[in-house]
Amino acid sequence: MYKKQGSNFHTSSAGFTLLELMVAVIILAILAAIAMPMYSNYITKAKARSAQSDLVALSVVMESLYQRNLSYAAPTTNPTTTTAQTQNHAKGW
């Protein structure tokens, strides 16, 4: 733009105004409010599918043991108390 002689206006085109910054923050907040519940649902469904596939794999192992021994394994109490112990105990299947 051209500056008039004797004008006291000083226009600067560098940076953002506070209003532009607040509009950008509001838009990001709206997008985050929409995206977070969708991501949470996605994670929940993924964990459910993983658990389902683990149970199917366990049933295949149990049926294989039955075919070899003609009896199912006797249930035992859980020998583990932490997640790390359980993962170490069950890493064979």
N, C-alpha and C. Protein backbone atom coordinates (compact mmCIF):
# COMPACT_ATOMS: atom_id res chain seq x y z
N MET A 1 0.85 -1.19 0.00
CA MET A 1 0.00 0.00 0.00
C MET A 1 0.88 1.24 0.00
N TYR A 2 0.29 2.31 -0.48
CA TYR A 2 1.03 3.58 -0.52
C TYR A 2 0.72 4.38 0.72
N LYS A 3 1.74 5.02 1.21
CA LYS A 3 1.57 5.84 2.41
C LYS A 3 1.37 7.29 1.99
N LYS A 4 0.32 7.89 2.53
CA LYS A 4 0.03 9.28 2.21
C LYS A 4 0.97 10.19 2.99
N GLN A 5 1.29 11.32 2.39
CA GLN A 5 2.09 12.32 3.07
C GLN A 5 1.29 12.89 4.23
N GLY A 6 1.91 12.99 5.37
CA GLY A 6 1.26 13.59 6.52
C GLY A 6 0.36 12.64 7.27
N SER A 7 0.32 11.39 6.87
CA SER A 7 -0.53 10.41 7.55
C SER A 7 0.20 9.84 8.75
N ASN A 8 -0.51 9.63 9.82
CA ASN A 8 0.08 9.08 11.03
C ASN A 8 -0.08 7.56 11.12
N PHE A 9 -0.64 6.93 10.10
CA PHE A 9 -0.86 5.48 10.12
C PHE A 9 0.43 4.75 9.79
N HIS A 10 0.69 3.74 10.58
CA HIS A 10 1.87 2.91 10.33
C HIS A 10 1.39 1.48 10.15
N THR A 11 1.48 0.97 8.94
CA THR A 11 1.02 -0.39 8.69
C THR A 11 2.21 -1.33 8.67
N SER A 12 2.07 -2.42 9.39
CA SER A 12 3.11 -3.42 9.44
C SER A 12 2.49 -4.76 9.07
N SER A 13 3.11 -5.47 8.15
CA SER A 13 2.55 -6.74 7.71
C SER A 13 3.33 -7.92 8.27
N ALA A 14 4.19 -7.69 9.22
CA ALA A 14 4.97 -8.79 9.80
C ALA A 14 4.26 -9.32 11.05
N GLY A 15 4.17 -10.67 11.17
CA GLY A 15 3.60 -11.29 12.36
C GLY A 15 2.09 -11.46 12.28
N PHE A 16 1.54 -11.94 13.40
CA PHE A 16 0.11 -12.20 13.50
C PHE A 16 -0.50 -11.24 14.51
N THR A 17 -1.76 -10.94 14.32
CA THR A 17 -2.47 -10.17 15.33
C THR A 17 -2.99 -11.13 16.38
N LEU A 18 -3.37 -10.61 17.50
CA LEU A 18 -3.89 -11.44 18.58
C LEU A 18 -5.18 -12.12 18.14
N LEU A 19 -6.00 -11.44 17.39
CA LEU A 19 -7.25 -12.02 16.92
C LEU A 19 -6.98 -13.22 15.99
N GLU A 20 -6.04 -13.10 15.08
CA GLU A 20 -5.71 -14.22 14.20
C GLU A 20 -5.17 -15.40 14.99
N LEU A 21 -4.37 -15.13 15.98
CA LEU A 21 -3.83 -16.19 16.81
C LEU A 21 -4.93 -16.89 17.60
N MET A 22 -5.86 -16.14 18.15
CA MET A 22 -6.96 -16.74 18.91
C MET A 22 -7.87 -17.57 18.02
N VAL A 23 -8.11 -17.13 16.79
CA VAL A 23 -8.94 -17.91 15.86
C VAL A 23 -8.24 -19.23 15.55
N ALA A 24 -6.93 -19.20 15.33
CA ALA A 24 -6.19 -20.43 15.06
C ALA A 24 -6.24 -21.38 16.25
N VAL A 25 -6.13 -20.86 17.46
CA VAL A 25 -6.19 -21.68 18.67
C VAL A 25 -7.57 -22.30 18.83
N ILE A 26 -8.60 -21.55 18.55
CA ILE A 26 -9.98 -22.06 18.65
C ILE A 26 -10.21 -23.18 17.64
N ILE A 27 -9.71 -23.00 16.42
CA ILE A 27 -9.88 -24.03 15.39
C ILE A 27 -9.15 -25.30 15.81
N LEU A 28 -7.94 -25.16 16.33
CA LEU A 28 -7.20 -26.33 16.80
C LEU A 28 -7.90 -27.02 17.96
N ALA A 29 -8.50 -26.25 18.86
CA ALA A 29 -9.21 -26.84 19.99
C ALA A 29 -10.43 -27.62 19.52
N ILE A 30 -11.14 -27.11 18.54
CA ILE A 30 -12.31 -27.81 18.00
C ILE A 30 -11.87 -29.11 17.33
N LEU A 31 -10.80 -29.06 16.54
CA LEU A 31 -10.30 -30.28 15.90
C LEU A 31 -9.84 -31.31 16.93
N ALA A 32 -9.19 -30.86 17.99
CA ALA A 32 -8.74 -31.77 19.04
C ALA A 32 -9.93 -32.38 19.77
N ALA A 33 -10.97 -31.59 20.00
CA ALA A 33 -12.16 -32.10 20.69
C ALA A 33 -12.86 -33.17 19.86
N ILE A 34 -12.75 -33.09 18.56
CA ILE A 34 -13.36 -34.10 17.69
C ILE A 34 -12.44 -35.32 17.58
N ALA A 35 -11.14 -35.09 17.47
CA ALA A 35 -10.21 -36.18 17.19
C ALA A 35 -9.94 -37.06 18.41
N MET A 36 -9.87 -36.52 19.59
CA MET A 36 -9.50 -37.31 20.77
C MET A 36 -10.48 -38.44 21.07
N PRO A 37 -11.80 -38.23 21.08
CA PRO A 37 -12.71 -39.36 21.31
C PRO A 37 -12.64 -40.42 20.21
N MET A 38 -12.44 -39.97 18.97
CA MET A 38 -12.33 -40.94 17.88
C MET A 38 -11.07 -41.79 18.04
N TYR A 39 -9.97 -41.18 18.44
CA TYR A 39 -8.72 -41.91 18.66
C TYR A 39 -8.87 -42.88 19.83
N SER A 40 -9.53 -42.45 20.88
CA SER A 40 -9.74 -43.30 22.04
C SER A 40 -10.57 -44.53 21.66
N ASN A 41 -11.62 -44.33 20.88
CA ASN A 41 -12.43 -45.47 20.42
C ASN A 41 -11.62 -46.41 19.54
N TYR A 42 -10.76 -45.86 18.70
CA TYR A 42 -9.92 -46.68 17.84
C TYR A 42 -9.00 -47.55 18.68
N ILE A 43 -8.38 -46.98 19.70
CA ILE A 43 -7.48 -47.74 20.56
C ILE A 43 -8.23 -48.85 21.29
N THR A 44 -9.42 -48.54 21.80
CA THR A 44 -10.23 -49.54 22.50
C THR A 44 -10.59 -50.70 21.59
N LYS A 45 -11.00 -50.40 20.36
CA LYS A 45 -11.36 -51.46 19.42
C LYS A 45 -10.14 -52.29 19.03
N ALA A 46 -8.99 -51.65 18.89
CA ALA A 46 -7.77 -52.38 18.54
C ALA A 46 -7.38 -53.34 19.66
N LYS A 47 -7.50 -52.90 20.91
CA LYS A 47 -7.17 -53.78 22.04
C LYS A 47 -8.16 -54.94 22.12
N ALA A 48 -9.42 -54.69 21.83
CA ALA A 48 -10.42 -55.76 21.85
C ALA A 48 -10.12 -56.79 20.76
N ARG A 49 -9.75 -56.33 19.57
CA ARG A 49 -9.41 -57.26 18.49
C ARG A 49 -8.17 -58.07 18.84
N SER A 50 -7.20 -57.44 19.47
CA SER A 50 -5.98 -58.14 19.87
C SER A 50 -6.30 -59.21 20.91
N ALA A 51 -7.14 -58.88 21.88
CA ALA A 51 -7.54 -59.86 22.90
C ALA A 51 -8.31 -61.01 22.26
N GLN A 52 -9.15 -60.70 21.30
CA GLN A 52 -9.92 -61.74 20.62
C GLN A 52 -9.00 -62.69 19.87
N SER A 53 -8.02 -62.15 19.17
CA SER A 53 -7.10 -63.02 18.43
C SER A 53 -6.24 -63.84 19.39
N ASP A 54 -5.87 -63.27 20.54
CA ASP A 54 -5.13 -64.05 21.54
C ASP A 54 -5.96 -65.21 22.07
N LEU A 55 -7.24 -64.98 22.31
CA LEU A 55 -8.11 -66.05 22.80
C LEU A 55 -8.29 -67.15 21.75
N VAL A 56 -8.38 -66.77 20.49
CA VAL A 56 -8.49 -67.77 19.43
C VAL A 56 -7.21 -68.59 19.36
N ALA A 57 -6.05 -67.92 19.47
CA ALA A 57 -4.78 -68.64 19.45
C ALA A 57 -4.67 -69.59 20.63
N LEU A 58 -5.12 -69.16 21.80
CA LEU A 58 -5.10 -70.02 22.98
C LEU A 58 -6.01 -71.23 22.79
N SER A 59 -7.18 -71.02 22.19
CA SER A 59 -8.08 -72.15 21.97
C SER A 59 -7.48 -73.16 20.99
N VAL A 60 -6.75 -72.67 20.00
CA VAL A 60 -6.09 -73.58 19.05
C VAL A 60 -5.03 -74.41 19.77
N VAL A 61 -4.27 -73.77 20.66
CA VAL A 61 -3.25 -74.49 21.42
C VAL A 61 -3.91 -75.53 22.33
N MET A 62 -5.00 -75.15 22.98
CA MET A 62 -5.68 -76.09 23.88
C MET A 62 -6.24 -77.28 23.11
N GLU A 63 -6.80 -77.04 21.94
CA GLU A 63 -7.33 -78.14 21.13
C GLU A 63 -6.21 -79.04 20.62
N SER A 64 -5.07 -78.43 20.30
CA SER A 64 -3.92 -79.23 19.87
C SER A 64 -3.43 -80.13 21.00
N LEU A 65 -3.37 -79.59 22.21
CA LEU A 65 -2.98 -80.40 23.37
C LEU A 65 -3.98 -81.52 23.62
N TYR A 66 -5.26 -81.23 23.43
CA TYR A 66 -6.28 -82.25 23.61
C TYR A 66 -6.11 -83.38 22.59
N GLN A 67 -5.81 -83.01 21.35
CA GLN A 67 -5.64 -84.03 20.31
C GLN A 67 -4.45 -84.93 20.62
N ARG A 68 -3.41 -84.37 21.24
CA ARG A 68 -2.22 -85.17 21.55
C ARG A 68 -2.40 -86.02 22.81
N ASN A 69 -3.10 -85.49 23.80
CA ASN A 69 -3.20 -86.17 25.10
C ASN A 69 -4.56 -86.80 25.36
N LEU A 70 -5.56 -86.49 24.57
CA LEU A 70 -6.94 -86.93 24.74
C LEU A 70 -7.52 -86.51 26.09
N SER A 71 -7.03 -85.40 26.60
CA SER A 71 -7.61 -84.78 27.81
C SER A 71 -7.13 -83.33 27.87
N TYR A 72 -7.95 -82.53 28.51
CA TYR A 72 -7.57 -81.13 28.69
C TYR A 72 -6.68 -80.99 29.91
N ALA A 73 -5.85 -79.94 29.92
CA ALA A 73 -4.99 -79.68 31.06
C ALA A 73 -5.84 -79.24 32.24
N ALA A 74 -5.44 -79.67 33.43
CA ALA A 74 -6.17 -79.29 34.64
C ALA A 74 -5.93 -77.81 34.94
N PRO A 75 -6.97 -77.10 35.32
CA PRO A 75 -6.77 -75.67 35.63
C PRO A 75 -5.92 -75.51 36.89
N THR A 76 -5.08 -74.49 36.88
CA THR A 76 -4.24 -74.18 38.03
C THR A 76 -4.46 -72.73 38.42
N THR A 77 -4.01 -72.37 39.60
CA THR A 77 -4.10 -70.98 40.01
C THR A 77 -3.05 -70.18 39.27
N ASN A 78 -3.26 -68.89 39.17
CA ASN A 78 -2.33 -68.01 38.46
C ASN A 78 -1.05 -67.85 39.28
N PRO A 79 0.11 -68.29 38.75
CA PRO A 79 1.34 -68.18 39.52
C PRO A 79 1.99 -66.80 39.43
N THR A 80 1.38 -65.88 38.72
CA THR A 80 2.00 -64.57 38.54
C THR A 80 1.19 -63.48 39.23
N THR A 81 1.88 -62.39 39.56
CA THR A 81 1.19 -61.27 40.20
C THR A 81 1.36 -59.96 39.45
N THR A 82 2.30 -59.89 38.52
CA THR A 82 2.50 -58.67 37.75
C THR A 82 2.38 -58.96 36.26
N THR A 83 2.24 -57.92 35.49
CA THR A 83 2.12 -58.08 34.04
C THR A 83 3.40 -58.66 33.45
N ALA A 84 4.55 -58.22 33.92
CA ALA A 84 5.82 -58.73 33.40
C ALA A 84 5.95 -60.23 33.67
N GLN A 85 5.56 -60.66 34.86
CA GLN A 85 5.61 -62.09 35.18
C GLN A 85 4.66 -62.89 34.29
N THR A 86 3.48 -62.36 34.06
CA THR A 86 2.50 -63.03 33.22
C THR A 86 3.01 -63.15 31.79
N GLN A 87 3.61 -62.07 31.27
CA GLN A 87 4.16 -62.13 29.90
C GLN A 87 5.29 -63.13 29.82
N ASN A 88 6.13 -63.19 30.83
CA ASN A 88 7.22 -64.16 30.84
C ASN A 88 6.68 -65.59 30.95
N HIS A 89 5.64 -65.77 31.75
CA HIS A 89 5.06 -67.11 31.95
C HIS A 89 4.37 -67.62 30.69
N ALA A 90 3.73 -66.72 29.93
CA ALA A 90 2.91 -67.14 28.80
C ALA A 90 3.58 -66.90 27.46
N LYS A 91 4.88 -66.65 27.42
CA LYS A 91 5.51 -66.36 26.13
C LYS A 91 5.65 -67.59 25.25
N GLY A 92 5.42 -68.77 25.80
CA GLY A 92 5.53 -69.99 25.00
C GLY A 92 4.44 -70.13 23.95
N TRP A 93 3.31 -69.58 24.16
CA TRP A 93 2.25 -69.69 23.16
C TRP A 93 2.02 -68.37 22.50
